[in-house]
Amino acid sequence: MNLYYMLDADRVPVPCDLATWLGWMETADRTVKKTNLGDVIDVSTVFLGLNHNFGGVGLPLLFETMVFRYPSREGRLCAQYPTWAAAVAGHAEVVRHLRAEERVDVGL
């Protein structure tokens, strides 16, 4: 199981060694998507570059969506994903869920 990954030009994760990974991480734009939901919530999905599938079964988990609620800026992990496409879809799902939650909170 490889630990270090970088993205190629097509946003496909490719395994690499530590030295290559460190150099790539210095300048890489790892942002997949960011969404602001008013003054109190930000949703951020990024490429981690490190395999977070610690069990080692299945695909490497290389992308992560977090929800940040203000004013505490406390992060809540929502999900991790193996591919850019799954991360984009997962980000959209989290945003849809939060927007639906917001409508319920204001009585819509």
C-alpha atoms as a PDB file:
ATOM      1  CA  MET A   1       0.000   0.000   0.000  1.00  0.00           C
ATOM      2  CA  ASN A   2       1.416   3.337  -1.045  1.00  0.00           C
ATOM      3  CA  LEU A   3       1.157   6.285   1.342  1.00  0.00           C
ATOM      4  CA  TYR A   4       2.117   9.268  -0.871  1.00  0.00           C
ATOM      5  CA  TYR A   5       0.209  10.509  -3.915  1.00  0.00           C
ATOM      6  CA  MET A   6       0.189  13.532  -6.180  1.00  0.00           C
ATOM      7  CA  LEU A   7      -2.248  14.558  -8.916  1.00  0.00           C
ATOM      8  CA  ASP A   8      -1.366  14.323 -12.584  1.00  0.00           C
ATOM      9  CA  ALA A   9      -2.556  16.885 -15.166  1.00  0.00           C
ATOM     10  CA  ASP A  10      -5.921  15.086 -15.423  1.00  0.00           C
ATOM     11  CA  ARG A  11      -6.432  15.192 -11.619  1.00  0.00           C
ATOM     12  CA  VAL A  12      -5.765  11.477 -11.296  1.00  0.00           C
ATOM     13  CA  PRO A  13      -3.854  10.458  -8.164  1.00  0.00           C
ATOM     14  CA  VAL A  14      -0.530   8.777  -8.881  1.00  0.00           C
ATOM     15  CA  PRO A  15       1.671   7.117  -6.265  1.00  0.00           C
ATOM     16  CA  CYS A  16       5.053   8.704  -5.620  1.00  0.00           C
ATOM     17  CA  ASP A  17       7.955   8.560  -3.182  1.00  0.00           C
ATOM     18  CA  LEU A  18       8.355  10.890  -0.217  1.00  0.00           C
ATOM     19  CA  ALA A  19      10.838  13.273  -1.883  1.00  0.00           C
ATOM     20  CA  THR A  20       8.629  13.708  -4.962  1.00  0.00           C
ATOM     21  CA  TRP A  21       5.562  14.172  -2.781  1.00  0.00           C
ATOM     22  CA  LEU A  22       7.220  16.834  -0.628  1.00  0.00           C
ATOM     23  CA  GLY A  23       8.278  18.824  -3.689  1.00  0.00           C
ATOM     24  CA  TRP A  24       4.851  18.552  -5.298  1.00  0.00           C
ATOM     25  CA  MET A  25       3.017  19.556  -2.106  1.00  0.00           C
ATOM     26  CA  GLU A  26       4.998  22.812  -1.849  1.00  0.00           C
ATOM     27  CA  THR A  27       3.283  24.346  -4.883  1.00  0.00           C
ATOM     28  CA  ALA A  28       0.230  22.206  -5.600  1.00  0.00           C
ATOM     29  CA  ASP A  29      -3.269  23.633  -5.555  1.00  0.00           C
ATOM     30  CA  ARG A  30      -5.054  20.841  -3.705  1.00  0.00           C
ATOM     31  CA  THR A  31      -8.475  22.492  -3.532  1.00  0.00           C
ATOM     32  CA  VAL A  32     -11.270  20.481  -5.130  1.00  0.00           C
ATOM     33  CA  LYS A  33     -14.157  22.746  -4.102  1.00  0.00           C
ATOM     34  CA  LYS A  34     -15.062  25.331  -1.458  1.00  0.00           C
ATOM     35  CA  THR A  35     -18.580  26.514  -0.703  1.00  0.00           C
ATOM     36  CA  ASN A  36     -19.629  29.231   1.718  1.00  0.00           C
ATOM     37  CA  LEU A  37     -23.086  28.877   3.231  1.00  0.00           C
ATOM     38  CA  GLY A  38     -23.613  32.245   4.855  1.00  0.00           C
ATOM     39  CA  ASP A  39     -21.758  33.583   7.865  1.00  0.00           C
ATOM     40  CA  VAL A  40     -21.645  30.355   9.819  1.00  0.00           C
ATOM     41  CA  ILE A  41     -20.646  27.437   7.553  1.00  0.00           C
ATOM     42  CA  ASP A  42     -17.869  26.697   5.063  1.00  0.00           C
ATOM     43  CA  VAL A  43     -17.555  23.396   3.213  1.00  0.00           C
ATOM     44  CA  SER A  44     -14.082  22.514   1.964  1.00  0.00           C
ATOM     45  CA  THR A  45     -12.993  19.527  -0.133  1.00  0.00           C
ATOM     46  CA  VAL A  46      -9.279  19.010  -0.749  1.00  0.00           C
ATOM     47  CA  PHE A  47      -6.788  16.481  -2.062  1.00  0.00           C
ATOM     48  CA  LEU A  48      -4.867  15.181   0.961  1.00  0.00           C
ATOM     49  CA  GLY A  49      -1.979  13.558  -0.867  1.00  0.00           C
ATOM     50  CA  LEU A  50      -1.757  10.916   1.865  1.00  0.00           C
ATOM     51  CA  ASN A  51      -3.659   7.660   1.815  1.00  0.00           C
ATOM     52  CA  HIS A  52      -6.123   7.738   4.718  1.00  0.00           C
ATOM     53  CA  ASN A  53      -7.345   4.176   4.096  1.00  0.00           C
ATOM     54  CA  PHE A  54      -5.513   2.888   7.130  1.00  0.00           C
ATOM     55  CA  GLY A  55      -7.172  -0.527   6.944  1.00  0.00           C
ATOM     56  CA  GLY A  56      -5.569  -1.092   3.560  1.00  0.00           C
ATOM     57  CA  VAL A  57      -8.636  -2.759   2.031  1.00  0.00           C
ATOM     58  CA  GLY A  58     -10.064  -1.087  -1.059  1.00  0.00           C
ATOM     59  CA  LEU A  59      -9.040   2.071  -2.850  1.00  0.00           C
ATOM     60  CA  PRO A  60      -6.813   4.694  -1.227  1.00  0.00           C
ATOM     61  CA  LEU A  61      -8.761   7.536   0.413  1.00  0.00           C
ATOM     62  CA  LEU A  62      -7.026  10.680  -0.816  1.00  0.00           C
ATOM     63  CA  PHE A  63      -9.669  13.433  -0.734  1.00  0.00           C
ATOM     64  CA  GLU A  64     -11.579  14.842   2.213  1.00  0.00           C
ATOM     65  CA  THR A  65     -14.600  17.067   2.811  1.00  0.00           C
ATOM     66  CA  MET A  66     -14.799  19.037   6.050  1.00  0.00           C
ATOM     67  CA  VAL A  67     -17.519  21.331   7.336  1.00  0.00           C
ATOM     68  CA  PHE A  68     -16.386  24.350   9.352  1.00  0.00           C
ATOM     69  CA  ARG A  69     -18.900  26.099  11.589  1.00  0.00           C
ATOM     70  CA  TYR A  70     -18.215  29.613  12.863  1.00  0.00           C
ATOM     71  CA  PRO A  71     -17.428  31.304  15.162  1.00  0.00           C
ATOM     72  CA  SER A  72     -15.556  28.324  16.646  1.00  0.00           C
ATOM     73  CA  ARG A  73     -14.123  27.254  13.247  1.00  0.00           C
ATOM     74  CA  GLU A  74     -14.528  23.732  14.553  1.00  0.00           C
ATOM     75  CA  GLY A  75     -14.111  21.246  11.726  1.00  0.00           C
ATOM     76  CA  ARG A  76     -16.310  18.228  11.346  1.00  0.00           C
ATOM     77  CA  LEU A  77     -15.157  15.487   9.005  1.00  0.00           C
ATOM     78  CA  CYS A  78     -17.868  14.529   6.595  1.00  0.00           C
ATOM     79  CA  ALA A  79     -16.288  12.058   4.208  1.00  0.00           C
ATOM     80  CA  GLN A  80     -13.198  10.813   2.407  1.00  0.00           C
ATOM     81  CA  TYR A  81     -13.009   9.729  -1.223  1.00  0.00           C
ATOM     82  CA  PRO A  82     -10.678   7.824  -3.585  1.00  0.00           C
ATOM     83  CA  THR A  83     -11.050   9.988  -6.724  1.00  0.00           C
ATOM     84  CA  TRP A  84     -11.489  13.610  -7.816  1.00  0.00           C
ATOM     85  CA  ALA A  85     -14.913  12.818  -9.323  1.00  0.00           C
ATOM     86  CA  ALA A  86     -16.105  11.153  -6.106  1.00  0.00           C
ATOM     87  CA  ALA A  87     -14.830  14.145  -4.112  1.00  0.00           C
ATOM     88  CA  VAL A  88     -16.741  16.606  -6.332  1.00  0.00           C
ATOM     89  CA  ALA A  89     -19.926  14.529  -6.019  1.00  0.00           C
ATOM     90  CA  GLY A  90     -19.452  14.103  -2.265  1.00  0.00           C
ATOM     91  CA  HIS A  91     -18.902  17.848  -1.782  1.00  0.00           C
ATOM     92  CA  ALA A  92     -22.122  18.589  -3.674  1.00  0.00           C
ATOM     93  CA  GLU A  93     -24.026  16.078  -1.535  1.00  0.00           C
ATOM     94  CA  VAL A  94     -22.771  17.625   1.709  1.00  0.00           C
ATOM     95  CA  VAL A  95     -23.740  21.106   0.475  1.00  0.00           C
ATOM     96  CA  ARG A  96     -27.212  19.853  -0.555  1.00  0.00           C
ATOM     97  CA  HIS A  97     -27.667  18.269   2.869  1.00  0.00           C
ATOM     98  CA  LEU A  98     -26.601  21.433   4.706  1.00  0.00           C
ATOM     99  CA  ARG A  99     -28.856  23.630   2.576  1.00  0.00           C
ATOM    100  CA  ALA A 100     -31.805  21.324   3.297  1.00  0.00           C
ATOM    101  CA  GLU A 101     -30.932  21.450   7.003  1.00  0.00           C
ATOM    102  CA  GLU A 102     -30.855  25.258   6.813  1.00  0.00           C
ATOM    103  CA  ARG A 103     -34.332  25.368   5.226  1.00  0.00           C
ATOM    104  CA  VAL A 104     -35.691  23.206   8.051  1.00  0.00           C
ATOM    105  CA  ASP A 105     -34.060  25.469  10.665  1.00  0.00           C
ATOM    106  CA  VAL A 106     -35.822  28.558   9.292  1.00  0.00           C
ATOM    107  CA  GLY A 107     -39.147  26.775   8.838  1.00  0.00           C
ATOM    108  CA  LEU A 108     -39.219  26.436   5.043  1.00  0.00           C
END
